[in-house]
Amino acid sequence: MGYHDAAPRASGVPGEPIAFSTRFSDPGGRRWSATIDYGDGTVEQRKRVDPSLSFDHAYAAVGSYALRVTISDGEGGIATTERQVDVHPLDVRRDAADPSRFILVAGGTTGADRFAVKRYESGTFELWVNGVSVGTFLPVASVVLYGGAGDDVATVLSQPSVPLAFYGGAGDDVLFSASGDDLLVGGLGRDRVFGGAGLIQ
């Protein structure tokens, strides 16, 4: 058995589902199982997998994690691959749907987080997390926030605003929207949206 992984590292922000994929080869095997150890205390067992394996996982906290995938063919053959996962508080990245654009992505904690986004006349943006400014950023096409567990609140402070996607997770989450086209995806709990002039989903 052997692996054919191309990316030894992956990254994301807290609460964001990070997508992973791995490929292995086993010419003599027909049935394989997988043990996925995400490095944060979460271990997933999959009884039947294909040689191309895809999965995702959301880490709750900032840090570096060792993701380990072990494949067994049920006949004593075992292969293991390891990948480092770096979870940062925020990230500015290219939009996968349009690589010419950039998006600002940030994550919170498992507690009650407060996010605020403001756009200035210069086109730059400032982001606050729990009352602390985490930086001023060059113009981006959109902002994506992951609240995680807890009763989280996201507020857009400016007109015109930047389109914002707020993934609240579990808890009673609230989005105070402005004039942008905003999205609130809530998990378990009572989630509310207070909208402005834009399209709210």
C-alpha atoms as a PDB file:
ATOM      1  CA  MET A   1       0.000   0.000   0.000  1.00  0.00           C
ATOM      2  CA  GLY A   2       1.147   3.543  -0.690  1.00  0.00           C
ATOM      3  CA  TYR A   3      -0.011   7.165  -0.536  1.00  0.00           C
ATOM      4  CA  HIS A   4      -0.002   9.821  -3.237  1.00  0.00           C
ATOM      5  CA  ASP A   5      -0.587  13.032  -1.279  1.00  0.00           C
ATOM      6  CA  ALA A   6       0.396  16.312  -2.921  1.00  0.00           C
ATOM      7  CA  ALA A   7      -0.303  18.821  -0.113  1.00  0.00           C
ATOM      8  CA  PRO A   8       1.486  18.162   3.208  1.00  0.00           C
ATOM      9  CA  ARG A   9      -0.089  21.228   4.874  1.00  0.00           C
ATOM     10  CA  ALA A  10      -3.542  22.745   5.165  1.00  0.00           C
ATOM     11  CA  SER A  11      -4.898  25.824   6.896  1.00  0.00           C
ATOM     12  CA  GLY A  12      -8.116  27.533   7.953  1.00  0.00           C
ATOM     13  CA  VAL A  13      -9.765  29.504  10.754  1.00  0.00           C
ATOM     14  CA  PRO A  14     -11.639  28.268  13.844  1.00  0.00           C
ATOM     15  CA  GLY A  15     -15.090  26.910  13.018  1.00  0.00           C
ATOM     16  CA  GLU A  16     -14.383  26.640   9.291  1.00  0.00           C
ATOM     17  CA  PRO A  17     -14.882  23.189   7.727  1.00  0.00           C
ATOM     18  CA  ILE A  18     -11.470  22.487   6.179  1.00  0.00           C
ATOM     19  CA  ALA A  19     -11.619  20.081   3.251  1.00  0.00           C
ATOM     20  CA  PHE A  20      -9.068  17.291   2.934  1.00  0.00           C
ATOM     21  CA  SER A  21      -8.433  14.609   0.346  1.00  0.00           C
ATOM     22  CA  THR A  22      -5.958  11.767   0.061  1.00  0.00           C
ATOM     23  CA  ARG A  23      -5.239   9.002  -2.423  1.00  0.00           C
ATOM     24  CA  PHE A  24      -3.685   5.622  -1.820  1.00  0.00           C
ATOM     25  CA  SER A  25      -2.921   2.591  -3.965  1.00  0.00           C
ATOM     26  CA  ASP A  26      -3.215  -1.098  -3.095  1.00  0.00           C
ATOM     27  CA  PRO A  27      -3.213  -3.332  -6.184  1.00  0.00           C
ATOM     28  CA  GLY A  28      -4.131  -6.467  -4.230  1.00  0.00           C
ATOM     29  CA  GLY A  29      -6.820  -4.979  -2.008  1.00  0.00           C
ATOM     30  CA  ARG A  30     -10.561  -4.722  -2.446  1.00  0.00           C
ATOM     31  CA  ARG A  31     -11.951  -3.480   0.871  1.00  0.00           C
ATOM     32  CA  TRP A  32     -10.332  -0.776   2.967  1.00  0.00           C
ATOM     33  CA  SER A  33     -11.146   0.997   6.220  1.00  0.00           C
ATOM     34  CA  ALA A  34      -9.818   4.304   7.509  1.00  0.00           C
ATOM     35  CA  THR A  35      -9.003   5.825  10.880  1.00  0.00           C
ATOM     36  CA  ILE A  36      -8.813   9.630  10.780  1.00  0.00           C
ATOM     37  CA  ASP A  37      -7.166  11.300  13.768  1.00  0.00           C
ATOM     38  CA  TYR A  38      -7.638  15.060  13.454  1.00  0.00           C
ATOM     39  CA  GLY A  39      -5.097  15.840  16.177  1.00  0.00           C
ATOM     40  CA  ASP A  40      -7.542  17.746  18.389  1.00  0.00           C
ATOM     41  CA  GLY A  41      -8.948  14.741  20.246  1.00  0.00           C
ATOM     42  CA  THR A  42     -11.407  13.831  17.499  1.00  0.00           C
ATOM     43  CA  VAL A  43     -10.980  10.413  15.888  1.00  0.00           C
ATOM     44  CA  GLU A  44     -13.243   9.192  13.083  1.00  0.00           C
ATOM     45  CA  GLN A  45     -13.618   5.590  11.927  1.00  0.00           C
ATOM     46  CA  ARG A  46     -14.773   4.764   8.399  1.00  0.00           C
ATOM     47  CA  LYS A  47     -15.456   1.096   7.711  1.00  0.00           C
ATOM     48  CA  ARG A  48     -15.468   1.195   3.915  1.00  0.00           C
ATOM     49  CA  VAL A  49     -13.527   3.731   1.836  1.00  0.00           C
ATOM     50  CA  ASP A  50     -12.311   4.130  -1.731  1.00  0.00           C
ATOM     51  CA  PRO A  51      -8.695   4.807  -2.802  1.00  0.00           C
ATOM     52  CA  SER A  52      -9.681   8.489  -3.203  1.00  0.00           C
ATOM     53  CA  LEU A  53     -10.826   9.646   0.220  1.00  0.00           C
ATOM     54  CA  SER A  54     -12.362  13.073   0.939  1.00  0.00           C
ATOM     55  CA  PHE A  55     -13.497  14.505   4.278  1.00  0.00           C
ATOM     56  CA  ASP A  56     -13.675  17.773   6.223  1.00  0.00           C
ATOM     57  CA  HIS A  57     -13.290  18.940   9.795  1.00  0.00           C
ATOM     58  CA  ALA A  58     -13.764  22.190  11.734  1.00  0.00           C
ATOM     59  CA  TYR A  59     -11.224  22.951  14.450  1.00  0.00           C
ATOM     60  CA  ALA A  60     -12.522  24.875  17.451  1.00  0.00           C
ATOM     61  CA  ALA A  61      -9.327  26.711  18.410  1.00  0.00           C
ATOM     62  CA  VAL A  62      -6.271  28.392  16.928  1.00  0.00           C
ATOM     63  CA  GLY A  63      -3.192  26.161  16.791  1.00  0.00           C
ATOM     64  CA  SER A  64      -1.203  23.613  14.802  1.00  0.00           C
ATOM     65  CA  TYR A  65      -2.552  20.084  14.541  1.00  0.00           C
ATOM     66  CA  ALA A  66      -1.169  16.809  13.198  1.00  0.00           C
ATOM     67  CA  LEU A  67      -3.812  15.136  11.032  1.00  0.00           C
ATOM     68  CA  ARG A  68      -3.131  11.414  10.607  1.00  0.00           C
ATOM     69  CA  VAL A  69      -4.958   9.034   8.274  1.00  0.00           C
ATOM     70  CA  THR A  70      -4.398   5.277   8.576  1.00  0.00           C
ATOM     71  CA  ILE A  71      -5.706   2.886   5.923  1.00  0.00           C
ATOM     72  CA  SER A  72      -6.110  -0.849   6.541  1.00  0.00           C
ATOM     73  CA  ASP A  73      -6.916  -3.490   3.917  1.00  0.00           C
ATOM     74  CA  GLY A  74      -8.165  -6.018   6.463  1.00  0.00           C
ATOM     75  CA  GLU A  75      -5.380  -8.439   5.583  1.00  0.00           C
ATOM     76  CA  GLY A  76      -2.572  -6.946   7.627  1.00  0.00           C
ATOM     77  CA  GLY A  77      -1.660  -4.190   5.170  1.00  0.00           C
ATOM     78  CA  ILE A  78      -1.515  -0.718   6.752  1.00  0.00           C
ATOM     79  CA  ALA A  79      -0.465   2.671   5.390  1.00  0.00           C
ATOM     80  CA  THR A  80      -0.348   5.982   7.275  1.00  0.00           C
ATOM     81  CA  THR A  81       0.006   9.563   6.113  1.00  0.00           C
ATOM     82  CA  GLU A  82       0.295  12.712   8.204  1.00  0.00           C
ATOM     83  CA  ARG A  83      -0.480  16.322   7.373  1.00  0.00           C
ATOM     84  CA  GLN A  84       0.007  19.512   9.383  1.00  0.00           C
ATOM     85  CA  VAL A  85      -3.022  21.757   9.797  1.00  0.00           C
ATOM     86  CA  ASP A  86      -2.492  25.387  10.824  1.00  0.00           C
ATOM     87  CA  VAL A  87      -5.542  27.172  12.243  1.00  0.00           C
ATOM     88  CA  HIS A  88      -5.201  30.971  12.315  1.00  0.00           C
ATOM     89  CA  PRO A  89      -7.549  33.622  13.781  1.00  0.00           C
ATOM     90  CA  LEU A  90      -8.090  35.131  10.321  1.00  0.00           C
ATOM     91  CA  ASP A  91      -7.003  34.859   6.720  1.00  0.00           C
ATOM     92  CA  VAL A  92      -7.159  36.897   3.516  1.00  0.00           C
ATOM     93  CA  ARG A  93      -7.408  34.524   0.559  1.00  0.00           C
ATOM     94  CA  ARG A  94      -8.448  34.347  -3.058  1.00  0.00           C
ATOM     95  CA  ASP A  95     -12.084  33.605  -3.724  1.00  0.00           C
ATOM     96  CA  ALA A  96     -12.304  30.021  -5.017  1.00  0.00           C
ATOM     97  CA  ALA A  97     -15.219  31.027  -7.264  1.00  0.00           C
ATOM     98  CA  ASP A  98     -13.307  33.996  -8.727  1.00  0.00           C
ATOM     99  CA  PRO A  99      -9.506  33.985  -8.173  1.00  0.00           C
ATOM    100  CA  SER A 100      -9.287  37.646  -9.184  1.00  0.00           C
ATOM    101  CA  ARG A 101     -11.105  38.596  -5.963  1.00  0.00           C
ATOM    102  CA  PHE A 102     -10.069  38.319  -2.315  1.00  0.00           C
ATOM    103  CA  ILE A 103     -12.151  37.485   0.759  1.00  0.00           C
ATOM    104  CA  LEU A 104     -11.500  38.063   4.452  1.00  0.00           C
ATOM    105  CA  VAL A 105     -12.181  34.990   6.611  1.00  0.00           C
ATOM    106  CA  ALA A 106     -12.166  34.989  10.431  1.00  0.00           C
ATOM    107  CA  GLY A 107     -13.177  32.614  13.198  1.00  0.00           C
ATOM    108  CA  GLY A 108     -14.263  32.984  16.789  1.00  0.00           C
ATOM    109  CA  THR A 109     -14.199  30.786  19.874  1.00  0.00           C
ATOM    110  CA  THR A 110     -16.533  28.289  21.516  1.00  0.00           C
ATOM    111  CA  GLY A 111     -17.881  31.138  23.680  1.00  0.00           C
ATOM    112  CA  ALA A 112     -20.128  34.106  22.897  1.00  0.00           C
ATOM    113  CA  ASP A 113     -18.262  36.110  20.257  1.00  0.00           C
ATOM    114  CA  ARG A 114     -18.914  39.630  18.979  1.00  0.00           C
ATOM    115  CA  PHE A 115     -17.820  40.509  15.438  1.00  0.00           C
ATOM    116  CA  ALA A 116     -18.011  43.951  13.835  1.00  0.00           C
ATOM    117  CA  VAL A 117     -17.032  44.964  10.304  1.00  0.00           C
ATOM    118  CA  LYS A 118     -16.669  48.547   9.068  1.00  0.00           C
ATOM    119  CA  ARG A 119     -15.882  49.833   5.601  1.00  0.00           C
ATOM    120  CA  TYR A 120     -14.152  53.217   5.286  1.00  0.00           C
ATOM    121  CA  GLU A 121     -14.403  55.746   2.470  1.00  0.00           C
ATOM    122  CA  SER A 122     -10.972  54.649   1.242  1.00  0.00           C
ATOM    123  CA  GLY A 123     -12.396  51.182   0.599  1.00  0.00           C
ATOM    124  CA  THR A 124     -10.404  49.518   3.385  1.00  0.00           C
ATOM    125  CA  PHE A 125     -12.090  47.428   6.060  1.00  0.00           C
ATOM    126  CA  GLU A 126     -11.581  47.045   9.778  1.00  0.00           C
ATOM    127  CA  LEU A 127     -12.581  43.961  11.756  1.00  0.00           C
ATOM    128  CA  TRP A 128     -13.222  43.789  15.493  1.00  0.00           C
ATOM    129  CA  VAL A 129     -13.506  40.534  17.434  1.00  0.00           C
ATOM    130  CA  ASN A 130     -14.803  40.770  21.006  1.00  0.00           C
ATOM    131  CA  GLY A 131     -14.151  44.487  21.152  1.00  0.00           C
ATOM    132  CA  VAL A 132     -10.567  44.335  19.881  1.00  0.00           C
ATOM    133  CA  SER A 133      -9.511  45.499  16.428  1.00  0.00           C
ATOM    134  CA  VAL A 134      -7.679  42.670  14.669  1.00  0.00           C
ATOM    135  CA  GLY A 135      -6.592  44.806  11.737  1.00  0.00           C
ATOM    136  CA  THR A 136      -7.408  47.062   8.812  1.00  0.00           C
ATOM    137  CA  PHE A 137      -7.427  45.363   5.437  1.00  0.00           C
ATOM    138  CA  LEU A 138      -7.273  46.341   1.797  1.00  0.00           C
ATOM    139  CA  PRO A 139     -10.562  46.168  -0.131  1.00  0.00           C
ATOM    140  CA  VAL A 140     -12.027  42.668  -0.319  1.00  0.00           C
ATOM    141  CA  ALA A 141     -15.026  41.296  -2.200  1.00  0.00           C
ATOM    142  CA  SER A 142     -16.682  39.782   0.865  1.00  0.00           C
ATOM    143  CA  VAL A 143     -16.233  38.849   4.515  1.00  0.00           C
ATOM    144  CA  VAL A 144     -16.839  35.349   5.928  1.00  0.00           C
ATOM    145  CA  LEU A 145     -17.172  34.842   9.697  1.00  0.00           C
ATOM    146  CA  TYR A 146     -17.375  31.588  11.658  1.00  0.00           C
ATOM    147  CA  GLY A 147     -18.823  32.045  15.122  1.00  0.00           C
ATOM    148  CA  GLY A 148     -18.529  28.498  16.445  1.00  0.00           C
ATOM    149  CA  ALA A 149     -20.517  27.446  19.507  1.00  0.00           C
ATOM    150  CA  GLY A 150     -21.990  30.133  21.764  1.00  0.00           C
ATOM    151  CA  ASP A 151     -24.413  33.024  21.304  1.00  0.00           C
ATOM    152  CA  ASP A 152     -22.577  35.010  18.641  1.00  0.00           C
ATOM    153  CA  VAL A 153     -23.321  38.448  17.149  1.00  0.00           C
ATOM    154  CA  ALA A 154     -22.063  39.920  13.877  1.00  0.00           C
ATOM    155  CA  THR A 155     -22.631  43.596  13.053  1.00  0.00           C
ATOM    156  CA  VAL A 156     -21.984  45.516   9.834  1.00  0.00           C
ATOM    157  CA  LEU A 157     -21.255  49.117  10.834  1.00  0.00           C
ATOM    158  CA  SER A 158     -21.001  50.946   7.520  1.00  0.00           C
ATOM    159  CA  GLN A 159     -22.937  52.138   4.498  1.00  0.00           C
ATOM    160  CA  PRO A 160     -22.274  50.982   1.848  1.00  0.00           C
ATOM    161  CA  SER A 161     -21.258  47.687   3.380  1.00  0.00           C
ATOM    162  CA  VAL A 162     -19.395  44.642   2.189  1.00  0.00           C
ATOM    163  CA  PRO A 163     -21.343  41.396   1.561  1.00  0.00           C
ATOM    164  CA  LEU A 164     -21.004  39.277   4.679  1.00  0.00           C
ATOM    165  CA  ALA A 165     -21.569  35.562   5.320  1.00  0.00           C
ATOM    166  CA  PHE A 166     -21.976  34.661   8.991  1.00  0.00           C
ATOM    167  CA  TYR A 167     -21.837  30.987   9.990  1.00  0.00           C
ATOM    168  CA  GLY A 168     -23.054  31.167  13.558  1.00  0.00           C
ATOM    169  CA  GLY A 169     -22.809  27.513  14.563  1.00  0.00           C
ATOM    170  CA  ALA A 170     -24.653  26.304  17.649  1.00  0.00           C
ATOM    171  CA  GLY A 171     -26.223  28.927  19.911  1.00  0.00           C
ATOM    172  CA  ASP A 172     -28.594  31.886  19.566  1.00  0.00           C
ATOM    173  CA  ASP A 173     -26.849  33.917  16.875  1.00  0.00           C
ATOM    174  CA  VAL A 174     -27.691  37.424  15.628  1.00  0.00           C
ATOM    175  CA  LEU A 175     -26.700  39.252  12.433  1.00  0.00           C
ATOM    176  CA  PHE A 176     -27.151  43.037  12.231  1.00  0.00           C
ATOM    177  CA  SER A 177     -26.979  43.668   8.501  1.00  0.00           C
ATOM    178  CA  ALA A 178     -26.540  46.903   6.560  1.00  0.00           C
ATOM    179  CA  SER A 179     -26.974  47.567   2.838  1.00  0.00           C
ATOM    180  CA  GLY A 180     -24.981  44.573   1.571  1.00  0.00           C
ATOM    181  CA  ASP A 181     -26.244  41.185   0.437  1.00  0.00           C
ATOM    182  CA  ASP A 182     -25.703  39.182   3.611  1.00  0.00           C
ATOM    183  CA  LEU A 183     -26.091  35.554   4.620  1.00  0.00           C
ATOM    184  CA  LEU A 184     -26.715  34.034   8.053  1.00  0.00           C
ATOM    185  CA  VAL A 185     -26.272  30.281   8.422  1.00  0.00           C
ATOM    186  CA  GLY A 186     -27.307  29.250  11.912  1.00  0.00           C
ATOM    187  CA  GLY A 187     -26.846  25.915  13.634  1.00  0.00           C
ATOM    188  CA  LEU A 188     -28.812  24.725  16.637  1.00  0.00           C
ATOM    189  CA  GLY A 189     -30.487  27.587  18.482  1.00  0.00           C
ATOM    190  CA  ARG A 190     -32.706  30.575  17.763  1.00  0.00           C
ATOM    191  CA  ASP A 191     -31.024  32.741  15.138  1.00  0.00           C
ATOM    192  CA  ARG A 192     -32.159  36.233  14.151  1.00  0.00           C
ATOM    193  CA  VAL A 193     -31.379  38.727  11.384  1.00  0.00           C
ATOM    194  CA  PHE A 194     -31.939  42.485  11.522  1.00  0.00           C
ATOM    195  CA  GLY A 195     -31.616  43.684   7.948  1.00  0.00           C
ATOM    196  CA  GLY A 196     -30.864  46.780   5.968  1.00  0.00           C
ATOM    197  CA  ALA A 197     -31.533  47.477   2.296  1.00  0.00           C
ATOM    198  CA  GLY A 198     -29.653  44.537   0.830  1.00  0.00           C
ATOM    199  CA  LEU A 199     -30.636  40.947   0.125  1.00  0.00           C
ATOM    200  CA  ILE A 200     -30.651  38.804   3.273  1.00  0.00           C
ATOM    201  CA  GLN A 201     -30.686  35.007   3.218  1.00  0.00           C
END
